[in-house]
Amino acid sequence: MKPSSEDEAGPAGGPWEECFEAAVQLALRAGQIIKKALSEEKRVSTKTSAADLVTETDHLVEDLIISELQKKFPSHRSPFSPVTW
């Protein structure tokens, strides 16, 4: 009998399961924030040009994701953190 792709992946979940679950939970929380913001007045600013728009909700969701990942995985380096050599 040929093993399924799940059997080939190794033990249930594997080493990335905790990261995957954290990402899914944060995506769900971010989605709730965005959904709520759809019915509210928007505050829009620009990033690098007039065509590069960002809302207060964008900032809120980005801050949530970064801060929660830093709390959950303090040993992981963020691509948004300065590199110290």
N, C-alpha and C. Protein backbone atom coordinates (compact mmCIF):
# COMPACT_ATOMS: atom_id res chain seq x y z
N MET A 1 0.85 -1.18 0.00
CA MET A 1 0.00 0.00 0.00
C MET A 1 0.89 1.25 0.00
N LYS A 2 0.63 2.18 -0.89
CA LYS A 2 1.43 3.38 -1.02
C LYS A 2 1.01 4.40 0.05
N PRO A 3 1.99 5.00 0.79
CA PRO A 3 1.64 5.98 1.82
C PRO A 3 1.05 7.24 1.19
N SER A 4 0.14 7.85 1.93
CA SER A 4 -0.45 9.10 1.45
C SER A 4 0.53 10.24 1.69
N SER A 5 0.23 11.39 1.13
CA SER A 5 1.12 12.55 1.31
C SER A 5 1.16 12.96 2.78
N GLU A 6 0.07 12.71 3.53
CA GLU A 6 0.08 13.02 4.96
C GLU A 6 1.09 12.16 5.70
N ASP A 7 1.20 10.87 5.31
CA ASP A 7 2.15 9.97 5.94
C ASP A 7 3.58 10.42 5.68
N GLU A 8 3.83 10.95 4.50
CA GLU A 8 5.17 11.38 4.13
C GLU A 8 5.59 12.64 4.86
N ALA A 9 4.62 13.40 5.35
CA ALA A 9 4.93 14.67 6.00
C ALA A 9 5.52 14.47 7.40
N GLY A 10 5.44 13.28 7.93
CA GLY A 10 5.99 13.03 9.26
C GLY A 10 4.92 13.12 10.33
N PRO A 11 5.33 13.35 11.58
CA PRO A 11 4.38 13.38 12.69
C PRO A 11 3.33 14.47 12.49
N ALA A 12 2.18 14.25 13.09
CA ALA A 12 1.06 15.19 12.97
C ALA A 12 1.52 16.61 13.27
N GLY A 13 1.27 17.49 12.34
CA GLY A 13 1.60 18.89 12.55
C GLY A 13 2.98 19.27 12.08
N GLY A 14 3.96 18.54 12.46
CA GLY A 14 5.33 18.87 12.09
C GLY A 14 5.83 20.12 12.79
N PRO A 15 7.02 20.56 12.45
CA PRO A 15 7.66 21.67 13.17
C PRO A 15 7.01 23.03 12.92
N TRP A 16 6.23 23.16 11.85
CA TRP A 16 5.64 24.46 11.53
C TRP A 16 4.20 24.60 12.01
N GLU A 17 3.65 23.59 12.63
CA GLU A 17 2.24 23.61 13.05
C GLU A 17 1.93 24.78 13.97
N GLU A 18 2.78 25.04 14.95
CA GLU A 18 2.54 26.15 15.89
C GLU A 18 2.56 27.50 15.15
N CYS A 19 3.49 27.66 14.24
CA CYS A 19 3.57 28.89 13.45
C CYS A 19 2.33 29.04 12.58
N PHE A 20 1.92 27.96 11.94
CA PHE A 20 0.75 27.98 11.08
C PHE A 20 -0.49 28.37 11.88
N GLU A 21 -0.68 27.74 13.04
CA GLU A 21 -1.85 28.03 13.87
C GLU A 21 -1.85 29.49 14.32
N ALA A 22 -0.70 30.01 14.73
CA ALA A 22 -0.60 31.42 15.14
C ALA A 22 -0.97 32.33 13.99
N ALA A 23 -0.49 32.01 12.79
CA ALA A 23 -0.78 32.83 11.61
C ALA A 23 -2.27 32.81 11.28
N VAL A 24 -2.89 31.65 11.37
CA VAL A 24 -4.32 31.55 11.09
C VAL A 24 -5.12 32.36 12.11
N GLN A 25 -4.79 32.22 13.39
CA GLN A 25 -5.52 32.96 14.42
C GLN A 25 -5.36 34.47 14.25
N LEU A 26 -4.15 34.91 13.93
CA LEU A 26 -3.92 36.35 13.70
C LEU A 26 -4.66 36.83 12.46
N ALA A 27 -4.71 36.02 11.42
CA ALA A 27 -5.44 36.40 10.21
C ALA A 27 -6.93 36.55 10.51
N LEU A 28 -7.46 35.67 11.33
CA LEU A 28 -8.87 35.77 11.71
C LEU A 28 -9.14 37.03 12.52
N ARG A 29 -8.26 37.33 13.47
CA ARG A 29 -8.40 38.56 14.26
C ARG A 29 -8.29 39.80 13.38
N ALA A 30 -7.31 39.80 12.47
CA ALA A 30 -7.13 40.93 11.55
C ALA A 30 -8.36 41.09 10.67
N GLY A 31 -8.91 39.98 10.21
CA GLY A 31 -10.12 40.02 9.39
C GLY A 31 -11.29 40.65 10.11
N GLN A 32 -11.42 40.35 11.41
CA GLN A 32 -12.51 40.96 12.20
C GLN A 32 -12.32 42.47 12.30
N ILE A 33 -11.10 42.91 12.50
CA ILE A 33 -10.80 44.34 12.59
C ILE A 33 -11.12 45.03 11.26
N ILE A 34 -10.71 44.41 10.17
CA ILE A 34 -10.95 44.98 8.84
C ILE A 34 -12.45 45.01 8.53
N LYS A 35 -13.14 43.93 8.85
CA LYS A 35 -14.58 43.87 8.60
C LYS A 35 -15.32 44.97 9.35
N LYS A 36 -14.95 45.18 10.61
CA LYS A 36 -15.56 46.24 11.41
C LYS A 36 -15.28 47.61 10.81
N ALA A 37 -14.06 47.81 10.32
CA ALA A 37 -13.65 49.10 9.77
C ALA A 37 -14.36 49.44 8.46
N LEU A 38 -14.88 48.43 7.77
CA LEU A 38 -15.55 48.68 6.49
C LEU A 38 -16.75 49.62 6.64
N SER A 39 -17.39 49.58 7.81
CA SER A 39 -18.58 50.40 8.03
C SER A 39 -18.27 51.73 8.73
N GLU A 40 -16.99 51.98 8.97
CA GLU A 40 -16.59 53.21 9.66
C GLU A 40 -15.95 54.19 8.69
N GLU A 41 -15.88 55.44 9.11
CA GLU A 41 -15.21 56.46 8.32
C GLU A 41 -13.72 56.15 8.25
N LYS A 42 -13.13 56.35 7.09
CA LYS A 42 -11.72 56.03 6.88
C LYS A 42 -10.83 57.25 7.03
N ARG A 43 -9.67 57.04 7.62
CA ARG A 43 -8.61 58.05 7.64
C ARG A 43 -7.49 57.50 6.77
N VAL A 44 -7.24 58.18 5.67
CA VAL A 44 -6.29 57.69 4.69
C VAL A 44 -5.08 58.61 4.65
N SER A 45 -3.90 58.01 4.60
CA SER A 45 -2.66 58.77 4.42
C SER A 45 -1.88 58.10 3.29
N THR A 46 -0.75 58.66 2.96
CA THR A 46 0.08 58.06 1.91
C THR A 46 1.38 57.56 2.52
N LYS A 47 1.99 56.60 1.83
CA LYS A 47 3.28 56.08 2.28
C LYS A 47 4.39 56.76 1.50
N THR A 48 4.66 56.28 0.32
CA THR A 48 5.79 56.82 -0.44
C THR A 48 5.37 57.72 -1.60
N SER A 49 4.10 57.62 -2.00
CA SER A 49 3.61 58.46 -3.09
C SER A 49 2.10 58.63 -2.94
N ALA A 50 1.53 59.52 -3.73
CA ALA A 50 0.10 59.78 -3.66
C ALA A 50 -0.72 58.54 -4.04
N ALA A 51 -0.12 57.64 -4.78
CA ALA A 51 -0.82 56.42 -5.19
C ALA A 51 -0.67 55.29 -4.17
N ASP A 52 0.18 55.47 -3.18
CA ASP A 52 0.47 54.44 -2.17
C ASP A 52 -0.30 54.77 -0.90
N LEU A 53 -1.60 54.41 -0.89
CA LEU A 53 -2.49 54.78 0.21
C LEU A 53 -2.44 53.76 1.34
N VAL A 54 -2.63 54.25 2.56
CA VAL A 54 -2.67 53.40 3.73
C VAL A 54 -3.70 53.98 4.70
N THR A 55 -4.48 53.10 5.31
CA THR A 55 -5.51 53.56 6.24
C THR A 55 -5.06 53.32 7.68
N GLU A 56 -5.79 53.94 8.58
CA GLU A 56 -5.54 53.72 10.02
C GLU A 56 -5.70 52.23 10.34
N THR A 57 -6.65 51.58 9.69
CA THR A 57 -6.87 50.14 9.89
C THR A 57 -5.67 49.33 9.43
N ASP A 58 -5.05 49.73 8.33
CA ASP A 58 -3.83 49.06 7.86
C ASP A 58 -2.76 49.08 8.95
N HIS A 59 -2.57 50.26 9.53
CA HIS A 59 -1.57 50.40 10.61
C HIS A 59 -1.94 49.55 11.81
N LEU A 60 -3.21 49.57 12.19
CA LEU A 60 -3.67 48.81 13.35
C LEU A 60 -3.44 47.32 13.16
N VAL A 61 -3.80 46.81 11.99
CA VAL A 61 -3.64 45.38 11.71
C VAL A 61 -2.15 44.99 11.64
N GLU A 62 -1.36 45.83 11.00
CA GLU A 62 0.08 45.55 10.92
C GLU A 62 0.70 45.52 12.31
N ASP A 63 0.36 46.49 13.15
CA ASP A 63 0.89 46.53 14.52
C ASP A 63 0.46 45.30 15.31
N LEU A 64 -0.81 44.88 15.15
CA LEU A 64 -1.32 43.69 15.84
C LEU A 64 -0.51 42.46 15.44
N ILE A 65 -0.35 42.26 14.15
CA ILE A 65 0.35 41.06 13.67
C ILE A 65 1.80 41.03 14.15
N ILE A 66 2.49 42.14 13.99
CA ILE A 66 3.90 42.17 14.41
C ILE A 66 4.05 41.98 15.91
N SER A 67 3.25 42.68 16.70
CA SER A 67 3.39 42.58 18.16
C SER A 67 3.02 41.19 18.67
N GLU A 68 1.98 40.60 18.12
CA GLU A 68 1.57 39.27 18.57
C GLU A 68 2.58 38.20 18.16
N LEU A 69 3.14 38.31 16.96
CA LEU A 69 4.16 37.34 16.56
C LEU A 69 5.42 37.49 17.40
N GLN A 70 5.79 38.73 17.74
CA GLN A 70 6.96 38.94 18.58
C GLN A 70 6.74 38.36 19.98
N LYS A 71 5.53 38.47 20.51
CA LYS A 71 5.22 37.89 21.82
C LYS A 71 5.25 36.37 21.78
N LYS A 72 4.64 35.81 20.73
CA LYS A 72 4.51 34.35 20.62
C LYS A 72 5.84 33.69 20.26
N PHE A 73 6.65 34.37 19.44
CA PHE A 73 7.90 33.80 18.97
C PHE A 73 9.04 34.80 19.16
N PRO A 74 9.43 35.07 20.40
CA PRO A 74 10.45 36.10 20.65
C PRO A 74 11.82 35.80 20.04
N SER A 75 12.10 34.55 19.76
CA SER A 75 13.41 34.21 19.19
C SER A 75 13.44 34.35 17.66
N HIS A 76 12.28 34.56 17.05
CA HIS A 76 12.23 34.73 15.59
C HIS A 76 12.55 36.17 15.25
N ARG A 77 13.40 36.35 14.24
CA ARG A 77 13.77 37.69 13.80
C ARG A 77 12.72 38.22 12.84
N SER A 78 12.30 39.42 13.07
CA SER A 78 11.32 40.08 12.20
C SER A 78 12.03 40.74 11.03
N PRO A 79 11.46 40.63 9.82
CA PRO A 79 12.05 41.35 8.69
C PRO A 79 11.90 42.85 8.85
N PHE A 80 11.09 43.29 9.82
CA PHE A 80 10.85 44.70 10.07
C PHE A 80 11.79 45.25 11.15
N SER A 81 12.52 44.37 11.80
CA SER A 81 13.45 44.80 12.85
C SER A 81 14.81 45.10 12.25
N PRO A 82 15.50 46.06 12.83
CA PRO A 82 16.86 46.33 12.32
C PRO A 82 17.78 45.15 12.65
N VAL A 83 18.66 44.85 11.74
CA VAL A 83 19.61 43.76 11.95
C VAL A 83 20.78 44.28 12.77
N THR A 84 21.13 43.55 13.81
CA THR A 84 22.29 43.92 14.61
C THR A 84 23.35 42.85 14.40
N TRP A 85 24.50 43.24 13.97
CA TRP A 85 25.59 42.29 13.68
C TRP A 85 26.52 42.21 14.83
